[in-house]
Amino acid sequence: MPIAAAADGTRLYFEEIGEGEPLLLISGQGLDHGFWDPIREGFAQTHRVISFDNRGTGRSDEPHEPPYTTRGMAADAVAVLDHLGVERVHAYGHSMGGRIAQWLGIDHGDRLGALVLGGTTPGSAHGVARPAAVTARFVRRPRDEQEALDKWGPLFFSADWAAAHQDLVRRLFVDNPLSAAARRLHYGASEGHDSWADLPRISCPTLVLHGGADVLNVPGNAELLAERIPGAELRMLPGAGHGYQFEFEAEATAAVLDFLARHPLR
């Protein structure tokens, strides 16, 4: 089993497919590498795609101390790259994965080619808050599979698309067991994220990609990130929600690949 070791000894599971310039995919809160499985082939046509299980998810270890942070999880990502001998890489993080990716740009910019921040925010302290009703729905733990489907589908996708793709919704959010402890640790890491003061230190080419109808991380956050990061490009996908990379796969994948092609590794 492919395993890299973090600085504290935590074992991190990873996978690779494809050939070309390396592209690291970083999953969001409580999600393992499998989040990217339905769409990673689109990137693997032109890139060596690396995905991994954040600590506490999938086949990676689940240490309970110290508390998880997005900055620490960025260091985990670097440990995977070090294990693979990858000196420089493009990185694409979504949601909390985008918060982790922000710290890659801030603390490990010399390791990055291009950076893609998808559906993410600079943190609650300076970001645009989601509606209170959405937060209440987001944090409520489903009682059974049907309630999980009813919860996650509408939070990520349009209602009609979610209803027509129940198998994908189940694969992403139901067939992805997470312990109660890991859920709390991931939530704490995401809620504790605050990169605002350091975002101007990101010097690599950056694309901020966001769904124009995202209710989990509302679109105003994308505008803040694009303004705060020097030279960042903003690409809004009209009508797309938090799960834009699936419902709007062709457009979203093309946007990322075009950006990477315009900013090859040096």
C-alpha atoms as a PDB file:
ATOM      1  CA  MET A   1       0.000   0.000   0.000  1.00  0.00           C
ATOM      2  CA  PRO A   2       1.512   3.380  -0.992  1.00  0.00           C
ATOM      3  CA  ILE A   3       2.195   5.257   2.230  1.00  0.00           C
ATOM      4  CA  ALA A   4       4.109   8.446   3.029  1.00  0.00           C
ATOM      5  CA  ALA A   5       5.054   9.535   6.554  1.00  0.00           C
ATOM      6  CA  ALA A   6       4.233  12.986   7.898  1.00  0.00           C
ATOM      7  CA  ALA A   7       6.652  14.805  10.196  1.00  0.00           C
ATOM      8  CA  ASP A   8       4.891  13.418  13.278  1.00  0.00           C
ATOM      9  CA  GLY A   9       4.879   9.881  11.901  1.00  0.00           C
ATOM     10  CA  THR A  10       1.258   9.890  10.701  1.00  0.00           C
ATOM     11  CA  ARG A  11       0.935   7.531   7.737  1.00  0.00           C
ATOM     12  CA  LEU A  12      -0.674   9.095   4.669  1.00  0.00           C
ATOM     13  CA  TYR A  13      -2.164   6.982   1.890  1.00  0.00           C
ATOM     14  CA  PHE A  14      -1.783   8.247  -1.679  1.00  0.00           C
ATOM     15  CA  GLU A  15      -2.450   7.223  -5.279  1.00  0.00           C
ATOM     16  CA  GLU A  16      -1.031   8.212  -8.671  1.00  0.00           C
ATOM     17  CA  ILE A  17      -2.357   7.953 -12.214  1.00  0.00           C
ATOM     18  CA  GLY A  18      -1.324   9.460 -15.536  1.00  0.00           C
ATOM     19  CA  GLU A  19       1.857  10.997 -16.858  1.00  0.00           C
ATOM     20  CA  GLY A  20       3.114  14.515 -17.409  1.00  0.00           C
ATOM     21  CA  GLU A  21       3.646  17.468 -15.110  1.00  0.00           C
ATOM     22  CA  PRO A  22       2.557  16.470 -11.586  1.00  0.00           C
ATOM     23  CA  LEU A  23      -0.769  17.757 -10.272  1.00  0.00           C
ATOM     24  CA  LEU A  24      -1.646  17.351  -6.588  1.00  0.00           C
ATOM     25  CA  LEU A  25      -5.377  17.140  -5.781  1.00  0.00           C
ATOM     26  CA  ILE A  26      -6.390  18.055  -2.230  1.00  0.00           C
ATOM     27  CA  SER A  27      -9.759  16.973  -0.852  1.00  0.00           C
ATOM     28  CA  GLY A  28     -12.010  18.955   1.459  1.00  0.00           C
ATOM     29  CA  GLN A  29     -13.360  18.516   4.966  1.00  0.00           C
ATOM     30  CA  GLY A  30     -13.864  14.894   5.962  1.00  0.00           C
ATOM     31  CA  LEU A  31     -13.226  13.571   2.449  1.00  0.00           C
ATOM     32  CA  ASP A  32     -10.536  11.160   1.293  1.00  0.00           C
ATOM     33  CA  HIS A  33      -8.789  10.918  -2.083  1.00  0.00           C
ATOM     34  CA  GLY A  34     -11.835   9.192  -3.553  1.00  0.00           C
ATOM     35  CA  PHE A  35     -13.585  12.552  -3.831  1.00  0.00           C
ATOM     36  CA  TRP A  36     -11.582  13.136  -7.001  1.00  0.00           C
ATOM     37  CA  ASP A  37     -11.997   9.674  -8.513  1.00  0.00           C
ATOM     38  CA  PRO A  38     -15.001  10.492 -10.742  1.00  0.00           C
ATOM     39  CA  ILE A  39     -13.114  13.290 -12.509  1.00  0.00           C
ATOM     40  CA  ARG A  40      -9.390  12.635 -12.134  1.00  0.00           C
ATOM     41  CA  GLU A  41      -9.136  10.803 -15.468  1.00  0.00           C
ATOM     42  CA  GLY A  42      -9.771  14.129 -17.143  1.00  0.00           C
ATOM     43  CA  PHE A  43      -6.592  15.490 -15.571  1.00  0.00           C
ATOM     44  CA  ALA A  44      -4.598  12.276 -16.038  1.00  0.00           C
ATOM     45  CA  GLN A  45      -4.741  12.632 -19.827  1.00  0.00           C
ATOM     46  CA  THR A  46      -2.056  15.320 -19.556  1.00  0.00           C
ATOM     47  CA  HIS A  47      -0.750  15.173 -15.970  1.00  0.00           C
ATOM     48  CA  ARG A  48       0.694  12.858 -13.368  1.00  0.00           C
ATOM     49  CA  VAL A  49      -2.181  13.088 -10.897  1.00  0.00           C
ATOM     50  CA  ILE A  50      -1.408  12.601  -7.197  1.00  0.00           C
ATOM     51  CA  SER A  51      -4.231  12.328  -4.684  1.00  0.00           C
ATOM     52  CA  PHE A  52      -4.046  11.368  -1.034  1.00  0.00           C
ATOM     53  CA  ASP A  53      -6.096  10.809   2.095  1.00  0.00           C
ATOM     54  CA  ASN A  54      -5.844  13.707   4.512  1.00  0.00           C
ATOM     55  CA  ARG A  55      -5.111  12.570   8.065  1.00  0.00           C
ATOM     56  CA  GLY A  56      -8.210  11.157   9.677  1.00  0.00           C
ATOM     57  CA  THR A  57      -9.733   9.979   6.398  1.00  0.00           C
ATOM     58  CA  GLY A  58      -9.623   6.895   4.189  1.00  0.00           C
ATOM     59  CA  ARG A  59      -6.571   4.712   4.689  1.00  0.00           C
ATOM     60  CA  SER A  60      -4.457   7.375   6.370  1.00  0.00           C
ATOM     61  CA  ASP A  61      -3.866   7.318  10.118  1.00  0.00           C
ATOM     62  CA  GLU A  62      -6.227   9.142  12.463  1.00  0.00           C
ATOM     63  CA  PRO A  63      -4.204  10.737  15.250  1.00  0.00           C
ATOM     64  CA  HIS A  64      -6.392  12.613  17.740  1.00  0.00           C
ATOM     65  CA  GLU A  65      -3.719  14.997  19.043  1.00  0.00           C
ATOM     66  CA  PRO A  66      -2.673  17.686  18.477  1.00  0.00           C
ATOM     67  CA  PRO A  67      -5.739  19.383  16.922  1.00  0.00           C
ATOM     68  CA  TYR A  68      -5.677  19.416  13.126  1.00  0.00           C
ATOM     69  CA  THR A  69      -4.949  22.651  11.270  1.00  0.00           C
ATOM     70  CA  THR A  70      -5.073  23.473   7.577  1.00  0.00           C
ATOM     71  CA  ARG A  71      -1.490  24.682   7.813  1.00  0.00           C
ATOM     72  CA  GLY A  72      -0.392  21.391   9.317  1.00  0.00           C
ATOM     73  CA  MET A  73      -2.271  19.469   6.640  1.00  0.00           C
ATOM     74  CA  ALA A  74      -0.385  21.437   3.989  1.00  0.00           C
ATOM     75  CA  ALA A  75       2.792  20.097   5.580  1.00  0.00           C
ATOM     76  CA  ASP A  76       1.266  16.611   5.224  1.00  0.00           C
ATOM     77  CA  ALA A  77       0.835  17.256   1.497  1.00  0.00           C
ATOM     78  CA  VAL A  78       4.494  18.235   1.247  1.00  0.00           C
ATOM     79  CA  ALA A  79       5.428  14.988   3.012  1.00  0.00           C
ATOM     80  CA  VAL A  80       3.653  13.066   0.248  1.00  0.00           C
ATOM     81  CA  LEU A  81       5.566  15.024  -2.387  1.00  0.00           C
ATOM     82  CA  ASP A  82       8.861  14.424  -0.560  1.00  0.00           C
ATOM     83  CA  HIS A  83       8.155  10.699  -0.381  1.00  0.00           C
ATOM     84  CA  LEU A  84       7.573  10.653  -4.146  1.00  0.00           C
ATOM     85  CA  GLY A  85      10.632  12.786  -4.888  1.00  0.00           C
ATOM     86  CA  VAL A  86       8.476  15.470  -6.531  1.00  0.00           C
ATOM     87  CA  GLU A  87      10.300  18.769  -6.277  1.00  0.00           C
ATOM     88  CA  ARG A  88       7.665  20.973  -7.892  1.00  0.00           C
ATOM     89  CA  VAL A  89       3.979  20.406  -8.558  1.00  0.00           C
ATOM     90  CA  HIS A  90       0.751  22.098  -9.545  1.00  0.00           C
ATOM     91  CA  ALA A  91      -1.844  22.002  -6.756  1.00  0.00           C
ATOM     92  CA  TYR A  92      -5.641  22.056  -6.867  1.00  0.00           C
ATOM     93  CA  GLY A  93      -7.579  22.126  -3.620  1.00  0.00           C
ATOM     94  CA  HIS A  94     -11.333  22.275  -3.148  1.00  0.00           C
ATOM     95  CA  SER A  95     -13.218  23.719  -0.159  1.00  0.00           C
ATOM     96  CA  MET A  96     -11.115  22.909   2.929  1.00  0.00           C
ATOM     97  CA  GLY A  97      -8.646  21.458   0.446  1.00  0.00           C
ATOM     98  CA  GLY A  98      -8.452  24.969  -0.988  1.00  0.00           C
ATOM     99  CA  ARG A  99      -7.651  26.297   2.468  1.00  0.00           C
ATOM    100  CA  ILE A 100      -4.888  23.711   2.759  1.00  0.00           C
ATOM    101  CA  ALA A 101      -3.664  24.732  -0.693  1.00  0.00           C
ATOM    102  CA  GLN A 102      -3.492  28.373   0.394  1.00  0.00           C
ATOM    103  CA  TRP A 103      -0.878  27.368   2.967  1.00  0.00           C
ATOM    104  CA  LEU A 104       1.029  25.482   0.292  1.00  0.00           C
ATOM    105  CA  GLY A 105       1.258  28.746  -1.611  1.00  0.00           C
ATOM    106  CA  ILE A 106       2.209  30.713   1.494  1.00  0.00           C
ATOM    107  CA  ASP A 107       4.676  28.351   3.181  1.00  0.00           C
ATOM    108  CA  HIS A 108       5.894  26.200   0.291  1.00  0.00           C
ATOM    109  CA  GLY A 109       5.638  28.450  -2.749  1.00  0.00           C
ATOM    110  CA  ASP A 110       8.975  27.234  -4.065  1.00  0.00           C
ATOM    111  CA  ARG A 111       7.406  23.794  -4.519  1.00  0.00           C
ATOM    112  CA  LEU A 112       4.505  25.050  -6.639  1.00  0.00           C
ATOM    113  CA  GLY A 113       3.977  25.743 -10.297  1.00  0.00           C
ATOM    114  CA  ALA A 114       0.359  26.859 -10.554  1.00  0.00           C
ATOM    115  CA  LEU A 115      -2.223  26.924  -7.777  1.00  0.00           C
ATOM    116  CA  VAL A 116      -5.976  26.389  -8.174  1.00  0.00           C
ATOM    117  CA  LEU A 117      -8.255  27.337  -5.284  1.00  0.00           C
ATOM    118  CA  GLY A 118     -11.701  25.838  -5.798  1.00  0.00           C
ATOM    119  CA  GLY A 119     -14.860  26.709  -3.873  1.00  0.00           C
ATOM    120  CA  THR A 120     -12.946  27.996  -0.863  1.00  0.00           C
ATOM    121  CA  THR A 121     -12.536  30.966   1.482  1.00  0.00           C
ATOM    122  CA  PRO A 122      -9.851  32.866   3.394  1.00  0.00           C
ATOM    123  CA  GLY A 123     -11.475  31.775   6.653  1.00  0.00           C
ATOM    124  CA  SER A 124     -14.411  32.879   8.761  1.00  0.00           C
ATOM    125  CA  ALA A 125     -12.672  35.878  10.320  1.00  0.00           C
ATOM    126  CA  HIS A 126     -12.444  37.747   7.018  1.00  0.00           C
ATOM    127  CA  GLY A 127     -14.628  35.719   4.671  1.00  0.00           C
ATOM    128  CA  VAL A 128     -18.254  36.089   3.647  1.00  0.00           C
ATOM    129  CA  ALA A 129     -20.445  33.930   5.879  1.00  0.00           C
ATOM    130  CA  ARG A 130     -22.896  31.409   4.505  1.00  0.00           C
ATOM    131  CA  PRO A 131     -26.557  31.775   5.496  1.00  0.00           C
ATOM    132  CA  ALA A 132     -27.268  30.556   9.023  1.00  0.00           C
ATOM    133  CA  ALA A 133     -29.827  28.037   7.763  1.00  0.00           C
ATOM    134  CA  VAL A 134     -27.193  26.471   5.496  1.00  0.00           C
ATOM    135  CA  THR A 135     -24.724  26.215   8.381  1.00  0.00           C
ATOM    136  CA  ALA A 136     -27.340  24.488  10.525  1.00  0.00           C
ATOM    137  CA  ARG A 137     -27.990  21.990   7.738  1.00  0.00           C
ATOM    138  CA  PHE A 138     -24.271  21.484   7.118  1.00  0.00           C
ATOM    139  CA  VAL A 139     -23.348  20.621  10.717  1.00  0.00           C
ATOM    140  CA  ARG A 140     -26.345  18.357  11.406  1.00  0.00           C
ATOM    141  CA  ARG A 141     -25.362  14.695  11.321  1.00  0.00           C
ATOM    142  CA  PRO A 142     -27.711  12.570   9.170  1.00  0.00           C
ATOM    143  CA  ARG A 143     -29.534   9.744  10.941  1.00  0.00           C
ATOM    144  CA  ASP A 144     -29.517   7.360   7.983  1.00  0.00           C
ATOM    145  CA  GLU A 145     -28.456   6.986   4.354  1.00  0.00           C
ATOM    146  CA  GLN A 146     -31.522   8.645   2.891  1.00  0.00           C
ATOM    147  CA  GLU A 147     -31.149  11.656   5.143  1.00  0.00           C
ATOM    148  CA  ALA A 148     -27.477  11.886   4.110  1.00  0.00           C
ATOM    149  CA  LEU A 149     -28.481  11.888   0.446  1.00  0.00           C
ATOM    150  CA  ASP A 150     -31.168  14.469   1.121  1.00  0.00           C
ATOM    151  CA  LYS A 151     -28.641  16.616   2.969  1.00  0.00           C
ATOM    152  CA  TRP A 152     -25.548  16.510   0.782  1.00  0.00           C
ATOM    153  CA  GLY A 153     -27.113  16.506  -2.665  1.00  0.00           C
ATOM    154  CA  PRO A 154     -28.758  19.947  -2.404  1.00  0.00           C
ATOM    155  CA  LEU A 155     -25.755  21.443  -0.581  1.00  0.00           C
ATOM    156  CA  PHE A 156     -23.429  20.570  -3.453  1.00  0.00           C
ATOM    157  CA  PHE A 157     -25.599  20.364  -6.570  1.00  0.00           C
ATOM    158  CA  SER A 158     -28.758  21.644  -8.186  1.00  0.00           C
ATOM    159  CA  ALA A 159     -31.791  19.659  -7.023  1.00  0.00           C
ATOM    160  CA  ASP A 160     -32.514  18.091 -10.410  1.00  0.00           C
ATOM    161  CA  TRP A 161     -28.882  17.075 -10.977  1.00  0.00           C
ATOM    162  CA  ALA A 162     -28.579  15.575  -7.500  1.00  0.00           C
ATOM    163  CA  ALA A 163     -31.772  13.586  -7.984  1.00  0.00           C
ATOM    164  CA  ALA A 164     -30.486  12.237 -11.294  1.00  0.00           C
ATOM    165  CA  HIS A 165     -27.063  11.321  -9.859  1.00  0.00           C
ATOM    166  CA  GLN A 166     -27.896   9.665  -6.551  1.00  0.00           C
ATOM    167  CA  ASP A 167     -25.190   7.050  -7.067  1.00  0.00           C
ATOM    168  CA  LEU A 168     -22.518   9.751  -7.239  1.00  0.00           C
ATOM    169  CA  VAL A 169     -23.911  11.563  -4.202  1.00  0.00           C
ATOM    170  CA  ARG A 170     -23.905   8.261  -2.303  1.00  0.00           C
ATOM    171  CA  ARG A 171     -20.351   7.477  -3.417  1.00  0.00           C
ATOM    172  CA  LEU A 172     -19.037  10.875  -2.313  1.00  0.00           C
ATOM    173  CA  PHE A 173     -20.858  11.398   0.962  1.00  0.00           C
ATOM    174  CA  VAL A 174     -22.306   8.112   2.196  1.00  0.00           C
ATOM    175  CA  ASP A 175     -19.757   5.466   1.187  1.00  0.00           C
ATOM    176  CA  ASN A 176     -17.062   7.507   2.930  1.00  0.00           C
ATOM    177  CA  PRO A 177     -17.105   6.576   6.619  1.00  0.00           C
ATOM    178  CA  LEU A 178     -15.566   9.054   9.013  1.00  0.00           C
ATOM    179  CA  SER A 179     -15.266   8.617  12.752  1.00  0.00           C
ATOM    180  CA  ALA A 180     -16.919  11.127  15.055  1.00  0.00           C
ATOM    181  CA  ALA A 181     -13.477  12.151  16.329  1.00  0.00           C
ATOM    182  CA  ALA A 182     -12.133  12.752  12.827  1.00  0.00           C
ATOM    183  CA  ARG A 183     -15.261  14.721  11.945  1.00  0.00           C
ATOM    184  CA  ARG A 184     -14.660  17.049  14.890  1.00  0.00           C
ATOM    185  CA  LEU A 185     -10.952  17.408  14.079  1.00  0.00           C
ATOM    186  CA  HIS A 186     -11.635  18.259  10.437  1.00  0.00           C
ATOM    187  CA  TYR A 187     -14.376  20.703  11.346  1.00  0.00           C
ATOM    188  CA  GLY A 188     -12.049  22.391  13.807  1.00  0.00           C
ATOM    189  CA  ALA A 189      -9.293  22.668  11.219  1.00  0.00           C
ATOM    190  CA  SER A 190     -11.626  24.176   8.653  1.00  0.00           C
ATOM    191  CA  GLU A 191     -13.287  26.603  11.058  1.00  0.00           C
ATOM    192  CA  GLY A 192      -9.920  27.621  12.500  1.00  0.00           C
ATOM    193  CA  HIS A 193      -8.476  28.532   9.107  1.00  0.00           C
ATOM    194  CA  ASP A 194      -7.353  32.149   8.731  1.00  0.00           C
ATOM    195  CA  SER A 195      -4.850  32.907   5.975  1.00  0.00           C
ATOM    196  CA  TRP A 196      -5.920  36.513   5.416  1.00  0.00           C
ATOM    197  CA  ALA A 197      -2.748  38.253   6.602  1.00  0.00           C
ATOM    198  CA  ASP A 198      -0.510  35.918   4.604  1.00  0.00           C
ATOM    199  CA  LEU A 199      -2.405  35.633   1.304  1.00  0.00           C
ATOM    200  CA  PRO A 200      -0.376  38.465  -0.320  1.00  0.00           C
ATOM    201  CA  ARG A 201       2.699  36.245   0.118  1.00  0.00           C
ATOM    202  CA  ILE A 202       1.403  33.810  -2.521  1.00  0.00           C
ATOM    203  CA  SER A 203       3.542  34.496  -5.561  1.00  0.00           C
ATOM    204  CA  CYS A 204       2.770  31.548  -7.853  1.00  0.00           C
ATOM    205  CA  PRO A 205       0.149  31.852 -10.635  1.00  0.00           C
ATOM    206  CA  THR A 206      -3.220  31.340  -8.960  1.00  0.00           C
ATOM    207  CA  LEU A 207      -6.668  30.564 -10.328  1.00  0.00           C
ATOM    208  CA  VAL A 208      -9.659  31.104  -8.057  1.00  0.00           C
ATOM    209  CA  LEU A 209     -12.453  28.869  -9.359  1.00  0.00           C
ATOM    210  CA  HIS A 210     -15.920  29.052  -7.846  1.00  0.00           C
ATOM    211  CA  GLY A 211     -19.533  28.152  -8.456  1.00  0.00           C
ATOM    212  CA  GLY A 212     -21.715  31.207  -8.868  1.00  0.00           C
ATOM    213  CA  ALA A 213     -24.548  29.490  -6.962  1.00  0.00           C
ATOM    214  CA  ASP A 214     -22.438  28.008  -4.154  1.00  0.00           C
ATOM    215  CA  VAL A 215     -24.394  28.099  -0.875  1.00  0.00           C
ATOM    216  CA  LEU A 216     -21.717  26.459   1.292  1.00  0.00           C
ATOM    217  CA  ASN A 217     -18.876  28.852   0.475  1.00  0.00           C
ATOM    218  CA  VAL A 218     -20.664  31.807  -1.028  1.00  0.00           C
ATOM    219  CA  PRO A 219     -19.177  33.437  -4.170  1.00  0.00           C
ATOM    220  CA  GLY A 220     -18.094  36.624  -2.414  1.00  0.00           C
ATOM    221  CA  ASN A 221     -15.233  34.622  -0.904  1.00  0.00           C
ATOM    222  CA  ALA A 222     -13.788  33.949  -4.351  1.00  0.00           C
ATOM    223  CA  GLU A 223     -13.737  37.676  -5.045  1.00  0.00           C
ATOM    224  CA  LEU A 224     -11.934  38.320  -1.766  1.00  0.00           C
ATOM    225  CA  LEU A 225      -9.279  35.696  -2.526  1.00  0.00           C
ATOM    226  CA  ALA A 226      -8.724  36.990  -6.054  1.00  0.00           C
ATOM    227  CA  GLU A 227      -8.292  40.528  -4.744  1.00  0.00           C
ATOM    228  CA  ARG A 228      -5.997  39.477  -1.920  1.00  0.00           C
ATOM    229  CA  ILE A 229      -3.618  37.204  -3.889  1.00  0.00           C
ATOM    230  CA  PRO A 230      -1.323  39.147  -6.234  1.00  0.00           C
ATOM    231  CA  GLY A 231      -2.138  38.527  -9.905  1.00  0.00           C
ATOM    232  CA  ALA A 232      -4.790  35.900  -9.204  1.00  0.00           C
ATOM    233  CA  GLU A 233      -7.348  35.097 -11.887  1.00  0.00           C
ATOM    234  CA  LEU A 234     -11.010  34.670 -10.980  1.00  0.00           C
ATOM    235  CA  ARG A 235     -13.241  32.238 -12.865  1.00  0.00           C
ATOM    236  CA  MET A 236     -16.865  32.085 -11.770  1.00  0.00           C
ATOM    237  CA  LEU A 237     -19.088  29.306 -13.109  1.00  0.00           C
ATOM    238  CA  PRO A 238     -22.624  30.729 -13.390  1.00  0.00           C
ATOM    239  CA  GLY A 239     -25.314  28.484 -11.943  1.00  0.00           C
ATOM    240  CA  ALA A 240     -22.809  26.068 -10.392  1.00  0.00           C
ATOM    241  CA  GLY A 241     -22.863  25.024  -6.755  1.00  0.00           C
ATOM    242  CA  HIS A 242     -20.207  23.754  -4.373  1.00  0.00           C
ATOM    243  CA  GLY A 243     -19.884  20.537  -6.380  1.00  0.00           C
ATOM    244  CA  TYR A 244     -19.212  22.367  -9.640  1.00  0.00           C
ATOM    245  CA  GLN A 245     -16.398  19.985 -10.626  1.00  0.00           C
ATOM    246  CA  PHE A 246     -18.950  17.190 -11.143  1.00  0.00           C
ATOM    247  CA  GLU A 247     -22.113  18.910 -12.322  1.00  0.00           C
ATOM    248  CA  PHE A 248     -20.111  21.271 -14.556  1.00  0.00           C
ATOM    249  CA  GLU A 249     -17.261  18.844 -15.186  1.00  0.00           C
ATOM    250  CA  ALA A 250     -16.452  19.730 -18.793  1.00  0.00           C
ATOM    251  CA  GLU A 251     -16.275  23.462 -18.153  1.00  0.00           C
ATOM    252  CA  ALA A 252     -14.471  23.217 -14.810  1.00  0.00           C
ATOM    253  CA  THR A 253     -11.864  20.675 -15.925  1.00  0.00           C
ATOM    254  CA  ALA A 254     -11.179  22.668 -19.081  1.00  0.00           C
ATOM    255  CA  ALA A 255     -10.682  25.835 -17.026  1.00  0.00           C
ATOM    256  CA  VAL A 256      -8.123  24.132 -14.791  1.00  0.00           C
ATOM    257  CA  LEU A 257      -6.243  22.454 -17.636  1.00  0.00           C
ATOM    258  CA  ASP A 258      -6.132  25.691 -19.620  1.00  0.00           C
ATOM    259  CA  PHE A 259      -4.686  27.520 -16.622  1.00  0.00           C
ATOM    260  CA  LEU A 260      -2.051  24.840 -16.036  1.00  0.00           C
ATOM    261  CA  ALA A 261      -1.097  24.855 -19.711  1.00  0.00           C
ATOM    262  CA  ARG A 262      -0.579  28.618 -19.573  1.00  0.00           C
ATOM    263  CA  HIS A 263       1.650  28.249 -16.502  1.00  0.00           C
ATOM    264  CA  PRO A 264       3.889  25.217 -17.048  1.00  0.00           C
ATOM    265  CA  LEU A 265       6.424  24.135 -14.458  1.00  0.00           C
ATOM    266  CA  ARG A 266       9.789  25.818 -14.926  1.00  0.00           C
END
